[in-house]
Structure formats: C-alpha cells, structure tokens
Amino acid sequence: LEINTLAILPLIAKPHHPRSIEAATKYFLTQAAASALILFSSMTNAWHTGQWDITQLTCPTSCLILTTAIAMKLGLVPFHFWFPEVLQGCSLTTGLLLSTVMKLPPITLLYMTSQSLNHTPMVIMAILSAALGGWMGLNQTQTRKILAFSSVSHLGWMSIILIYSPKLAMLNFYLYVLITAAVFLTLNSIKTLNLSTLMTTWAKTPALSAMLMLTLLSLAGLPPLTGFLPKWLIIQELTKQDMAPAAVIMALLSLLSLFFYLRLAYCATITLPP
C-alpha cells in the first residue's frame, strides 16, 4: 500500500502548479493516515487474539478500525472529501490511475476480510456513498469532479454487495474500471476539463462524442448497455438476502447520478455551440 501511494505522488505533483502540489499533499496525508489505521487495527487484533492474520478479524474494534481505514483509502462517504479535490488537481491520465488502479489494493483488502466485516457500517457507508456521490455531482461543471463523484457512488454499490457476494463486487469493479477508463481516455483525447469545452466537441469529433455518450450511459447503468449488468445482479442479490429496502434505496439514488451523466451526454452530443 505504501509503495502504491509513494509511486503515484510524483505523477500527481508533476504539473508545476500549486493546485497539483496541494493535491499531492492531500493525497499523501489521507493515505498515510489510513495506512497507520490499518497497522493500528492489525495491532489491536494481534493484541486480542495473538495472531497477525487479518483475514479472520475476531476483535470488533479492530474490525471497525480496518473498515474505516479502507474507507479512507477508497474515498467512501464520511471520508470522501479528499478525492474530488485530488482528482481536480491532477491531469486526466493521472486521474484515471487514481480512480481505477489505486482503488484495487484497498478493494482487495476488503475482499480478503469480507467474511469478518461488520455489516451495519458497510451498508450505511454504501448507501451514504451512493447518495452523496449523486447529490454532490449535480452542481459540478468540472468533468474531473463529476467523474470523482461518480466513482464515489460506484464504490457505494461495490461496498454494499461486498459482504454478501464478494465476487459480484469484483465484477462490478472490473466493469467500472473498463468503462471509466474509456471515459477518461476519451476526455483526454478531446482535451476536455469542463462542460463548456465539452459542448464544442460534436463539431470537431462527432464519432468520438457519440461513443462518449454511449459510454456515459453505460456508466449510468442503462439497460441495453454493459453498466446495467452489475447493478441488476447486485439488486437481485440484495433481494435474495432480504435487503429489499436497501436495494430500492440504492436504485433510487442511482437516478441522481444518472442525471449528471445525462447532462454530460447532452453536452457532448445534443447541445450544439454556441
């Protein structure tokens, strides 16, 4: 985890700009704090059980601390504040790395410890992430911040299903990585950082804009597209686990993020300048 953090820091700080330096500092502080918390939770666990294995966390305190630390590393909702700021401070390619590759180690940790995690905080954090990821993304004009909040709400979907069906969470993660990579790379090739430059893309690259629209709708999870598959499976699994209310709440909250994906898609393809 530490090598991972230290490797991405120069990439964030590479543009010589105060904002990127600030982003790198914020990133370093949150990740270092989260790593310290992970160490602390494994120490508490070792103290209570006499073994350093974190896959069977029997001590509830260390379990809670570990959940908190991984939520900090991922940017789940009470600890999501650093993520949009950091993403706003770095370039689009670094942003792609941050929102895909850098999420893999913490999610792997969650996957390994998913048997012993406490259900209640995970479900609460998941629902809050889906809600806040949708709400906060509504009034953004910067594409990087919109993608950051979409990442937060997708992480909510992953963490609500991780306790019941870890494989499904990983499927969701892989598809999310694939679709987000497509969005980031498209935005990078048309050099778009906010909605007003996105509006001029249809005149320049119509094919790319149409592809971007489809990718965004897939990210939103509309039925004929790939992004619908994990949402469908997750809602199905939640109803099997007698969590129908949570499934309904998650499905309704995904409408919020659908709204800003639709606005991005509108700006990319349907709105003609000026």
Protein backbone atom coordinates (compact mmCIF):
# COMPACT_ATOMS: atom_id res chain seq x y z
CA LEU A 1 0.00 0.00 0.00
CA GLU A 2 2.80 2.41 0.87
CA ILE A 3 4.74 1.70 -2.33
CA ASN A 4 1.50 2.26 -4.19
CA THR A 5 0.94 5.65 -2.52
CA LEU A 6 4.53 6.83 -2.98
CA ALA A 7 4.55 5.76 -6.64
CA ILE A 8 1.55 7.89 -7.59
CA LEU A 9 2.70 11.03 -5.69
CA PRO A 10 5.22 12.25 -8.32
CA LEU A 11 2.58 11.65 -11.01
CA ILE A 12 0.12 13.90 -9.18
CA ALA A 13 2.73 16.58 -8.47
CA LYS A 14 4.21 16.52 -12.00
CA PRO A 15 2.45 19.65 -13.39
CA HIS A 16 4.30 22.60 -11.82
CA HIS A 17 1.20 24.18 -10.39
CA PRO A 18 0.23 24.98 -6.77
CA ARG A 19 -3.03 23.05 -7.18
CA SER A 20 -1.29 19.82 -8.13
CA ILE A 21 1.19 20.15 -5.24
CA GLU A 22 -1.78 20.68 -2.91
CA ALA A 23 -3.49 17.62 -4.38
CA ALA A 24 -0.36 15.51 -3.83
CA THR A 25 -0.12 16.69 -0.20
CA LYS A 26 -3.79 15.93 0.47
CA TYR A 27 -3.45 12.51 -1.12
CA PHE A 28 -0.32 11.70 0.90
CA LEU A 29 -1.86 12.77 4.21
CA THR A 30 -5.07 10.76 3.81
CA GLN A 31 -3.28 7.64 2.58
CA ALA A 32 -0.66 7.82 5.34
CA ALA A 33 -3.37 8.23 7.99
CA ALA A 34 -5.30 5.27 6.54
CA SER A 35 -2.17 3.10 6.48
CA ALA A 36 -1.47 3.98 10.10
CA LEU A 37 -5.04 2.99 10.97
CA ILE A 38 -4.64 -0.36 9.17
CA LEU A 39 -1.48 -1.04 11.19
CA PHE A 40 -3.27 0.01 14.35
CA SER A 41 -6.22 -2.31 13.68
CA SER A 42 -3.96 -5.30 12.98
CA MET A 43 -2.03 -4.48 16.19
CA THR A 44 -5.24 -4.39 18.23
CA ASN A 45 -6.27 -7.67 16.63
CA ALA A 46 -2.90 -9.27 17.42
CA TRP A 47 -3.15 -7.97 20.97
CA HIS A 48 -6.58 -9.60 21.45
CA THR A 49 -6.06 -12.84 19.54
CA GLY A 50 -2.29 -13.37 19.48
CA GLN A 51 -2.07 -13.69 15.67
CA TRP A 52 -1.31 -11.22 12.90
CA ASP A 53 -3.71 -12.68 10.34
CA ILE A 54 -6.23 -10.03 9.26
CA THR A 55 -8.46 -12.39 7.29
CA GLN A 56 -10.19 -13.57 10.48
CA LEU A 57 -10.77 -10.39 12.44
CA THR A 58 -12.48 -11.55 15.63
CA CYS A 59 -11.99 -8.34 17.63
CA PRO A 60 -14.87 -5.94 16.78
CA THR A 61 -12.79 -2.81 17.50
CA SER A 62 -10.03 -3.73 15.07
CA CYS A 63 -12.66 -4.76 12.51
CA LEU A 64 -14.30 -1.32 12.73
CA ILE A 65 -10.93 0.47 12.52
CA LEU A 66 -9.95 -1.58 9.47
CA THR A 67 -13.25 -0.77 7.76
CA THR A 68 -12.69 2.93 8.50
CA ALA A 69 -9.12 2.82 7.18
CA ILE A 70 -10.08 1.11 3.94
CA ALA A 71 -13.00 3.54 3.51
CA MET A 72 -10.46 6.37 3.88
CA LYS A 73 -8.19 4.79 1.29
CA LEU A 74 -11.05 4.29 -1.16
CA GLY A 75 -12.87 7.55 -0.52
CA LEU A 76 -16.16 6.12 0.69
CA VAL A 77 -18.54 8.62 2.23
CA PRO A 78 -17.65 10.11 5.51
CA PHE A 79 -14.06 10.08 4.17
CA HIS A 80 -14.68 11.12 0.58
CA PHE A 81 -13.70 14.80 0.86
CA TRP A 82 -10.11 14.36 -0.35
CA PHE A 83 -10.99 12.51 -3.55
CA PRO A 84 -12.64 15.20 -5.75
CA GLU A 85 -10.06 17.77 -4.65
CA VAL A 86 -7.14 15.47 -5.53
CA LEU A 87 -8.71 14.46 -8.84
CA GLN A 88 -9.29 18.14 -9.69
CA GLY A 89 -5.61 18.87 -9.06
CA CYS A 90 -4.08 16.29 -11.38
CA SER A 91 -4.20 15.59 -15.12
CA LEU A 92 -6.78 13.30 -16.73
CA THR A 93 -4.41 10.36 -17.16
CA THR A 94 -3.31 10.55 -13.51
CA GLY A 95 -6.97 10.89 -12.59
CA LEU A 96 -7.65 7.66 -14.46
CA LEU A 97 -4.91 5.91 -12.45
CA LEU A 98 -6.28 7.36 -9.21
CA SER A 99 -9.85 6.28 -9.78
CA THR A 100 -9.10 2.80 -11.16
CA VAL A 101 -5.71 1.23 -10.36
CA MET A 102 -5.26 2.90 -6.96
CA LYS A 103 -8.62 1.50 -5.82
CA LEU A 104 -7.51 -2.08 -6.43
CA PRO A 105 -5.32 -2.71 -3.31
CA PRO A 106 -7.92 -1.42 -0.77
CA ILE A 107 -10.69 -3.34 -2.53
CA THR A 108 -8.52 -6.48 -2.45
CA LEU A 109 -8.09 -5.96 1.30
CA LEU A 110 -11.87 -5.64 1.69
CA TYR A 111 -12.32 -8.76 -0.45
CA MET A 112 -9.95 -10.73 1.79
CA THR A 113 -11.57 -9.59 5.03
CA SER A 114 -15.16 -9.60 3.71
CA GLN A 115 -16.14 -12.65 5.80
CA SER A 116 -15.42 -10.99 9.13
CA LEU A 117 -16.59 -7.44 8.40
CA ASN A 118 -19.40 -5.85 10.35
CA HIS A 119 -22.46 -5.49 8.10
CA THR A 120 -24.08 -2.37 9.53
CA PRO A 121 -21.30 0.21 8.95
CA MET A 122 -20.62 -1.17 5.47
CA VAL A 123 -24.26 -0.88 4.40
CA ILE A 124 -24.62 2.60 5.94
CA MET A 125 -21.44 3.81 4.22
CA ALA A 126 -22.56 2.27 0.93
CA ILE A 127 -25.97 3.97 0.94
CA LEU A 128 -24.42 7.29 2.01
CA SER A 129 -21.82 6.99 -0.76
CA ALA A 130 -24.46 6.38 -3.40
CA ALA A 131 -26.50 9.33 -2.08
CA LEU A 132 -23.68 11.85 -1.71
CA GLY A 133 -21.95 10.77 -4.91
CA GLY A 134 -25.19 11.58 -6.71
CA TRP A 135 -26.04 14.79 -4.88
CA MET A 136 -22.62 16.40 -4.91
CA GLY A 137 -22.12 15.67 -8.60
CA LEU A 138 -25.28 17.54 -9.58
CA ASN A 139 -23.90 21.08 -9.48
CA GLN A 140 -20.40 20.40 -10.84
CA THR A 141 -19.14 21.76 -14.13
CA GLN A 142 -15.65 20.25 -13.99
CA THR A 143 -15.58 16.85 -15.69
CA ARG A 144 -12.91 15.56 -13.30
CA LYS A 145 -15.04 16.36 -10.26
CA ILE A 146 -18.10 14.78 -11.88
CA LEU A 147 -16.09 11.62 -12.52
CA ALA A 148 -14.81 11.69 -8.93
CA PHE A 149 -18.35 11.77 -7.55
CA SER A 150 -19.42 9.04 -9.97
CA SER A 151 -16.53 6.99 -8.60
CA VAL A 152 -17.78 7.57 -5.04
CA SER A 153 -21.27 6.34 -5.90
CA HIS A 154 -19.92 3.28 -7.73
CA LEU A 155 -17.82 2.43 -4.69
CA GLY A 156 -21.05 2.57 -2.70
CA TRP A 157 -22.55 -0.11 -4.98
CA MET A 158 -19.41 -2.21 -4.54
CA SER A 159 -19.29 -1.99 -0.76
CA ILE A 160 -22.99 -2.81 -0.24
CA ILE A 161 -22.64 -6.14 -2.07
CA LEU A 162 -19.11 -6.99 -0.87
CA ILE A 163 -20.33 -8.61 2.36
CA TYR A 164 -22.89 -10.84 0.66
CA SER A 165 -21.20 -11.72 -2.61
CA PRO A 166 -17.54 -10.62 -2.93
CA LYS A 167 -17.22 -11.98 -6.49
CA LEU A 168 -20.08 -9.74 -7.62
CA ALA A 169 -18.32 -6.72 -6.10
CA MET A 170 -15.19 -7.60 -8.04
CA LEU A 171 -17.21 -7.96 -11.27
CA ASN A 172 -18.69 -4.51 -10.61
CA PHE A 173 -15.20 -3.14 -10.01
CA TYR A 174 -13.75 -4.60 -13.23
CA LEU A 175 -16.60 -3.28 -15.36
CA TYR A 176 -16.37 0.10 -13.64
CA VAL A 177 -12.62 0.26 -14.37
CA LEU A 178 -13.22 -0.62 -18.01
CA ILE A 179 -15.97 1.97 -18.59
CA THR A 180 -14.25 4.74 -16.57
CA ALA A 181 -11.02 4.16 -18.47
CA ALA A 182 -12.95 4.65 -21.72
CA VAL A 183 -14.48 7.92 -20.43
CA PHE A 184 -11.18 9.30 -19.10
CA LEU A 185 -9.25 8.44 -22.26
CA THR A 186 -11.93 9.95 -24.48
CA LEU A 187 -11.97 13.14 -22.43
CA ASN A 188 -8.18 13.17 -22.53
CA SER A 189 -8.06 12.86 -26.30
CA ILE A 190 -10.52 15.73 -26.79
CA LYS A 191 -8.78 17.77 -24.04
CA THR A 192 -11.96 18.44 -22.08
CA LEU A 193 -11.79 19.65 -18.49
CA ASN A 194 -15.20 21.29 -18.09
CA LEU A 195 -18.69 21.24 -19.60
CA SER A 196 -18.26 24.32 -21.76
CA THR A 197 -15.40 22.79 -23.76
CA LEU A 198 -17.36 19.53 -23.93
CA MET A 199 -20.09 21.40 -25.83
CA THR A 200 -17.77 22.16 -28.73
CA THR A 201 -16.67 18.55 -29.29
CA TRP A 202 -19.56 17.50 -31.53
CA ALA A 203 -18.40 19.95 -34.19
CA LYS A 204 -14.84 18.57 -34.08
CA THR A 205 -15.12 14.84 -33.42
CA PRO A 206 -18.71 13.61 -33.86
CA ALA A 207 -17.85 9.88 -33.78
CA LEU A 208 -15.88 10.21 -30.54
CA SER A 209 -18.69 12.25 -28.99
CA ALA A 210 -21.27 9.61 -29.87
CA MET A 211 -19.04 6.93 -28.33
CA LEU A 212 -18.62 9.12 -25.24
CA MET A 213 -22.40 9.41 -24.93
CA LEU A 214 -22.82 5.62 -25.06
CA THR A 215 -20.01 5.09 -22.54
CA LEU A 216 -21.52 7.62 -20.13
CA LEU A 217 -24.94 5.99 -20.37
CA SER A 218 -23.28 2.64 -19.73
CA LEU A 219 -21.59 4.13 -16.66
CA ALA A 220 -25.01 5.32 -15.52
CA GLY A 221 -26.29 1.76 -15.85
CA LEU A 222 -28.96 1.98 -18.54
CA PRO A 223 -30.36 -1.41 -19.60
CA PRO A 224 -29.05 -2.44 -23.02
CA LEU A 225 -25.51 -1.38 -22.08
CA THR A 226 -22.85 -3.23 -20.06
CA GLY A 227 -23.04 -0.99 -16.98
CA PHE A 228 -26.54 -2.27 -16.28
CA LEU A 229 -25.35 -5.84 -15.66
CA PRO A 230 -23.63 -5.34 -12.26
CA LYS A 231 -26.46 -3.14 -10.97
CA TRP A 232 -29.04 -5.74 -11.97
CA LEU A 233 -27.08 -8.58 -10.35
CA ILE A 234 -26.47 -6.55 -7.19
CA ILE A 235 -30.15 -5.66 -6.79
CA GLN A 236 -31.05 -9.32 -7.38
CA GLU A 237 -28.54 -10.49 -4.76
CA LEU A 238 -29.74 -7.88 -2.25
CA THR A 239 -33.35 -9.02 -2.61
CA LYS A 240 -32.19 -12.63 -2.10
CA GLN A 241 -30.54 -11.51 1.14
CA ASP A 242 -33.80 -9.91 2.39
CA MET A 243 -32.38 -6.43 1.84
CA ALA A 244 -35.12 -5.22 -0.49
CA PRO A 245 -35.41 -1.75 1.20
CA ALA A 246 -31.66 -1.17 0.72
CA ALA A 247 -31.93 -2.31 -2.90
CA VAL A 248 -34.82 0.12 -3.51
CA ILE A 249 -32.87 2.99 -1.91
CA MET A 250 -29.77 2.22 -4.00
CA ALA A 251 -31.81 2.02 -7.19
CA LEU A 252 -33.49 5.37 -6.47
CA LEU A 253 -30.18 7.01 -5.59
CA SER A 254 -28.66 5.90 -8.88
CA LEU A 255 -31.20 8.24 -10.54
CA LEU A 256 -29.25 11.17 -9.08
CA SER A 257 -26.04 10.11 -10.78
CA LEU A 258 -28.00 9.27 -13.93
CA PHE A 259 -29.00 12.95 -14.03
CA PHE A 260 -25.46 14.28 -14.30
CA TYR A 261 -24.34 11.51 -16.68
CA LEU A 262 -27.25 12.53 -18.90
CA ARG A 263 -26.18 16.15 -18.66
CA LEU A 264 -22.64 15.19 -19.70
CA ALA A 265 -24.05 13.14 -22.58
CA TYR A 266 -26.30 16.06 -23.62
CA CYS A 267 -23.38 18.46 -23.59
CA ALA A 268 -21.24 16.04 -25.58
CA THR A 269 -23.70 15.18 -28.34
CA ILE A 270 -27.01 17.03 -28.39
CA THR A 271 -26.10 20.61 -27.43
CA LEU A 272 -24.62 22.44 -30.38
CA PRO A 273 -22.42 25.50 -29.78
CA PRO A 274 -22.95 28.35 -29.03
